[in-house]
């Protein structure tokens, strides 16, 4: 099952669960009205306000966190492009006959980095994650080879004395950003946060159904809008957390890496 199908089913399941909870709350309210003609009870307003306030607060925090992590991942792509571009320019400090081979390793390395985060568009989430890890391992191998070539070239007799001092730290920065980006893809809220969000949505639906039980007819429009609105917000939050798999994509930021690659021709 693809990620988009999985998240769509989760959102649909949440929507159906909320509609069921609204109906359960309504029937419970009708039963209470039948036994207590005076009304549904006094003092429930503050309880409802607290419950919906907590739901709104959790939605705001999870959405804000997901959006900030989305922006951070875009910035990391730019940082990696800058690090690779800087290190590539400093290859000029190596002996002339060693530069072509080192530059070729740079091209191969950048191609592997672009391929690491390129989504093939098919397969399950587990298969996509496994494929990305295999591509990342290939980049690590190229890092070692590139480091060895640059180190050997900088230590050759007649090499500029400051060449290695400038190129090798730039390579370190270029390599470190790969770990930062890899960890950024795993930086998500704990699963319990999403479970709590779903539970609060269902509890809110119960309260909505209970509060509207005094009406003769079901308020279908209000119930559907309420459930659909919250389900879509949760769907967008999950989509923002995984911007390489869903509808909201961070792929557009890769153009800076592509521009660096074109400059290496």
Protein backbone atom coordinates (compact mmCIF):
# COMPACT_ATOMS: atom_id res chain seq x y z
CA UNK A 1 0.00 0.00 0.00
CA UNK A 2 1.41 3.38 -1.00
CA UNK A 3 1.76 6.23 1.46
CA UNK A 4 -0.97 8.31 -0.21
CA UNK A 5 -3.44 5.45 -0.03
CA UNK A 6 -2.48 4.78 3.58
CA UNK A 7 -2.98 8.39 4.71
CA UNK A 8 -6.21 8.70 2.71
CA UNK A 9 -7.60 5.60 4.42
CA UNK A 10 -6.57 6.98 7.82
CA UNK A 11 -8.35 10.28 7.11
CA UNK A 12 -11.42 8.43 5.82
CA UNK A 13 -11.40 6.21 8.92
CA UNK A 14 -11.17 9.25 11.18
CA UNK A 15 -14.04 10.92 9.32
CA UNK A 16 -16.25 7.83 9.65
CA UNK A 17 -15.30 7.45 13.32
CA UNK A 18 -16.23 11.05 14.01
CA UNK A 19 -19.58 10.69 12.28
CA UNK A 20 -20.29 7.58 14.36
CA UNK A 21 -19.30 9.41 17.54
CA UNK A 22 -21.57 12.32 16.64
CA UNK A 23 -24.47 9.89 16.24
CA UNK A 24 -23.63 8.13 19.52
CA UNK A 25 -23.48 11.46 21.32
CA UNK A 26 -26.81 12.51 19.81
CA UNK A 27 -28.56 9.31 20.84
CA UNK A 28 -27.14 9.55 24.32
CA UNK A 29 -28.44 13.12 24.55
CA UNK A 30 -31.89 12.06 23.30
CA UNK A 31 -32.00 9.32 25.92
CA UNK A 32 -31.06 11.79 28.63
CA UNK A 33 -33.71 14.26 27.48
CA UNK A 34 -36.31 11.51 27.64
CA UNK A 35 -35.47 10.88 31.31
CA UNK A 36 -34.70 14.51 32.22
CA UNK A 37 -37.10 16.89 30.49
CA UNK A 38 -35.36 19.90 32.10
CA UNK A 39 -32.54 19.70 29.59
CA UNK A 40 -29.13 18.18 28.99
CA UNK A 41 -27.68 19.55 32.20
CA UNK A 42 -26.11 22.72 33.47
CA UNK A 43 -22.42 23.55 33.67
CA UNK A 44 -21.37 21.52 30.64
CA UNK A 45 -20.32 24.64 28.71
CA UNK A 46 -16.95 25.01 30.47
CA UNK A 47 -16.26 21.28 29.96
CA UNK A 48 -16.98 21.55 26.25
CA UNK A 49 -14.89 24.71 26.03
CA UNK A 50 -11.95 23.00 27.73
CA UNK A 51 -12.20 19.94 25.48
CA UNK A 52 -12.40 21.93 22.25
CA UNK A 53 -9.74 24.33 23.47
CA UNK A 54 -7.38 21.41 24.08
CA UNK A 55 -8.20 19.99 20.65
CA UNK A 56 -7.53 23.34 18.98
CA UNK A 57 -4.28 23.77 20.90
CA UNK A 58 -3.03 20.33 19.90
CA UNK A 59 -3.99 20.92 16.27
CA UNK A 60 -2.18 24.26 16.27
CA UNK A 61 1.00 22.84 17.80
CA UNK A 62 1.17 19.76 15.56
CA UNK A 63 0.44 21.78 12.42
CA UNK A 64 2.97 24.46 13.35
CA UNK A 65 5.60 21.83 14.14
CA UNK A 66 5.00 19.97 10.88
CA UNK A 67 5.18 23.20 8.86
CA UNK A 68 8.42 24.30 10.54
CA UNK A 69 10.02 20.91 9.91
CA UNK A 70 8.92 21.12 6.28
CA UNK A 71 10.64 24.50 5.89
CA UNK A 72 13.74 23.20 7.69
CA UNK A 73 14.04 20.29 5.25
CA UNK A 74 13.90 22.72 2.34
CA UNK A 75 16.65 24.82 3.92
CA UNK A 76 18.82 21.73 4.43
CA UNK A 77 18.69 21.04 0.68
CA UNK A 78 20.01 24.56 0.07
CA UNK A 79 22.71 24.11 2.71
CA UNK A 80 23.88 20.90 1.09
CA UNK A 81 23.97 22.55 -2.33
CA UNK A 82 26.10 25.38 -0.91
CA UNK A 83 28.44 22.93 0.84
CA UNK A 84 28.96 20.85 -2.32
CA UNK A 85 29.47 23.95 -4.46
CA UNK A 86 32.06 25.37 -2.04
CA UNK A 87 34.00 22.10 -1.83
CA UNK A 88 33.90 21.68 -5.60
CA UNK A 89 35.38 25.14 -6.15
CA UNK A 90 38.22 24.36 -3.76
CA UNK A 91 39.31 21.45 -5.94
CA UNK A 92 41.16 24.17 -7.87
CA UNK A 93 43.66 24.17 -4.99
CA UNK A 94 44.80 20.62 -5.83
CA UNK A 95 47.55 19.83 -8.35
CA UNK A 96 46.27 20.23 -11.91
CA UNK A 97 46.69 16.60 -12.94
CA UNK A 98 44.73 15.38 -9.87
CA UNK A 99 41.74 17.66 -10.38
CA UNK A 100 39.90 15.77 -13.19
CA UNK A 101 39.64 12.56 -11.18
CA UNK A 102 38.49 14.34 -8.02
CA UNK A 103 35.91 16.34 -10.00
CA UNK A 104 34.55 13.12 -11.50
CA UNK A 105 34.06 11.74 -7.99
CA UNK A 106 32.19 14.94 -7.10
CA UNK A 107 29.83 14.38 -10.04
CA UNK A 108 29.20 10.79 -9.07
CA UNK A 109 28.65 11.78 -5.44
CA UNK A 110 26.13 14.51 -6.30
CA UNK A 111 24.29 12.14 -8.64
CA UNK A 112 24.00 9.66 -5.77
CA UNK A 113 22.70 12.39 -3.44
CA UNK A 114 20.04 13.40 -5.94
CA UNK A 115 19.07 9.77 -6.41
CA UNK A 116 18.84 9.16 -2.66
CA UNK A 117 15.84 11.43 -2.20
CA UNK A 118 14.27 10.88 -5.60
CA UNK A 119 10.97 9.08 -5.07
CA UNK A 120 10.40 6.38 -7.70
CA UNK A 121 6.65 6.86 -7.19
CA UNK A 122 5.73 3.25 -6.48
CA UNK A 123 5.91 0.62 -3.81
CA UNK A 124 4.97 0.56 -0.16
CA UNK A 125 6.34 2.89 2.49
CA UNK A 126 8.66 0.16 3.78
CA UNK A 127 10.02 -0.48 0.27
CA UNK A 128 10.65 3.23 -0.33
CA UNK A 129 12.46 3.60 3.00
CA UNK A 130 14.56 0.50 2.29
CA UNK A 131 15.49 1.81 -1.17
CA UNK A 132 16.45 5.21 0.27
CA UNK A 133 18.70 3.58 2.87
CA UNK A 134 20.45 1.54 0.17
CA UNK A 135 21.07 4.70 -1.86
CA UNK A 136 22.34 6.50 1.23
CA UNK A 137 24.80 3.66 1.85
CA UNK A 138 26.08 4.12 -1.70
CA UNK A 139 26.68 7.82 -0.98
CA UNK A 140 28.66 6.91 2.14
CA UNK A 141 30.93 4.67 0.06
CA UNK A 142 31.50 7.51 -2.39
CA UNK A 143 32.28 9.83 0.51
CA UNK A 144 35.14 7.58 1.61
CA UNK A 145 36.50 7.30 -1.91
CA UNK A 146 36.28 11.06 -2.49
CA UNK A 147 37.99 11.76 0.84
CA UNK A 148 40.80 9.33 0.04
CA UNK A 149 41.37 10.89 -3.40
CA UNK A 150 41.31 14.46 -2.08
CA UNK A 151 43.61 13.59 0.83
CA UNK A 152 46.12 11.83 -1.40
CA UNK A 153 46.12 14.69 -3.91
CA UNK A 154 46.59 17.34 -1.21
CA UNK A 155 49.60 15.47 0.23
CA UNK A 156 51.44 15.01 -3.04
CA UNK A 157 54.84 16.68 -3.45
CA UNK A 158 54.44 20.10 -4.96
CA UNK A 159 50.79 20.45 -3.91
CA UNK A 160 49.83 23.91 -2.58
CA UNK A 161 50.38 23.85 1.21
CA UNK A 162 47.00 25.42 1.97
CA UNK A 163 45.04 23.27 -0.49
CA UNK A 164 44.29 20.47 1.94
CA UNK A 165 43.63 22.92 4.78
CA UNK A 166 40.82 24.51 2.78
CA UNK A 167 39.45 21.54 0.81
CA UNK A 168 39.31 18.89 3.54
CA UNK A 169 37.23 20.96 6.02
CA UNK A 170 34.85 21.81 3.17
CA UNK A 171 34.50 18.08 2.47
CA UNK A 172 33.74 17.47 6.15
CA UNK A 173 30.92 20.01 6.03
CA UNK A 174 29.63 18.46 2.80
CA UNK A 175 29.59 15.00 4.36
CA UNK A 176 28.10 16.10 7.68
CA UNK A 177 25.05 17.62 6.00
CA UNK A 178 24.07 14.16 4.73
CA UNK A 179 23.65 12.95 8.32
CA UNK A 180 21.71 16.09 9.20
CA UNK A 181 19.33 15.57 6.30
CA UNK A 182 18.92 11.87 7.07
CA UNK A 183 18.02 12.64 10.69
CA UNK A 184 15.64 15.40 9.58
CA UNK A 185 13.61 12.81 7.66
CA UNK A 186 13.20 10.85 10.91
CA UNK A 187 12.32 13.87 13.05
CA UNK A 188 8.61 13.46 13.80
CA UNK A 189 6.37 13.80 16.85
CA UNK A 190 5.89 10.61 18.91
CA UNK A 191 3.10 8.33 17.75
CA UNK A 192 1.20 9.03 20.98
CA UNK A 193 0.72 12.65 19.84
CA UNK A 194 -1.14 11.53 16.71
CA UNK A 195 -3.15 9.02 18.74
CA UNK A 196 -4.09 11.73 21.23
CA UNK A 197 -5.11 13.99 18.35
CA UNK A 198 -7.39 11.28 16.93
CA UNK A 199 -8.89 10.56 20.38
CA UNK A 200 -9.61 14.24 20.97
CA UNK A 201 -11.30 14.47 17.58
CA UNK A 202 -13.56 11.57 18.53
CA UNK A 203 -14.30 13.04 21.97
CA UNK A 204 -15.13 16.38 20.36
CA UNK A 205 -17.51 14.58 18.02
CA UNK A 206 -19.29 12.96 20.97
CA UNK A 207 -19.75 16.38 22.55
CA UNK A 208 -21.05 17.84 19.28
CA UNK A 209 -23.61 15.05 18.94
CA UNK A 210 -24.65 15.41 22.57
CA UNK A 211 -25.02 19.20 22.30
CA UNK A 212 -27.20 18.94 19.15
CA UNK A 213 -29.46 16.19 20.48
CA UNK A 214 -32.10 18.75 21.45
CA UNK A 215 -32.89 19.40 17.75
CA UNK A 216 -35.71 17.47 16.14
CA UNK A 217 -33.73 16.70 13.03
CA UNK A 218 -30.12 15.76 12.54
CA UNK A 219 -27.87 18.62 11.46
CA UNK A 220 -26.13 16.67 8.71
CA UNK A 221 -24.43 19.64 7.14
CA UNK A 222 -22.83 20.77 10.39
CA UNK A 223 -21.79 17.23 11.32
CA UNK A 224 -20.24 16.48 7.93
CA UNK A 225 -18.42 19.83 7.78
CA UNK A 226 -17.07 19.40 11.31
CA UNK A 227 -15.81 15.85 10.68
CA UNK A 228 -14.44 16.64 7.20
CA UNK A 229 -12.67 19.77 8.38
CA UNK A 230 -10.79 18.04 11.20
CA UNK A 231 -10.01 14.97 9.07
CA UNK A 232 -8.49 17.14 6.33
CA UNK A 233 -6.38 19.09 8.84
CA UNK A 234 -5.02 15.84 10.29
CA UNK A 235 -4.33 14.59 6.75
CA UNK A 236 -2.37 17.75 5.90
CA UNK A 237 -0.37 17.48 9.14
CA UNK A 238 0.67 13.90 8.34
CA UNK A 239 1.44 14.89 4.74
CA UNK A 240 3.69 17.72 5.92
CA UNK A 241 5.59 15.31 8.17
CA UNK A 242 6.49 13.11 5.17
CA UNK A 243 7.13 15.58 2.33
CA UNK A 244 8.81 13.06 0.04
CA UNK A 245 5.88 10.63 0.00
CA UNK A 246 2.58 12.52 0.00
CA UNK A 247 0.89 15.31 -1.91
CA UNK A 248 2.86 18.12 -0.27
CA UNK A 249 6.37 17.77 -1.68
CA UNK A 250 9.75 19.21 -0.83
CA UNK A 251 11.13 17.95 -4.15
CA UNK A 252 10.93 21.41 -5.70
CA UNK A 253 13.87 22.47 -3.52
CA UNK A 254 16.09 19.92 -5.30
CA UNK A 255 16.48 22.31 -8.22
CA UNK A 256 19.38 24.00 -6.39
CA UNK A 257 21.26 20.69 -6.35
CA UNK A 258 20.44 20.19 -10.00
CA UNK A 259 21.86 23.62 -10.80
CA UNK A 260 25.07 22.73 -8.95
CA UNK A 261 25.25 19.49 -10.94
CA UNK A 262 24.82 21.36 -14.22
CA UNK A 263 27.66 23.65 -13.21
CA UNK A 264 29.95 20.64 -12.92
CA UNK A 265 29.71 19.77 -16.61
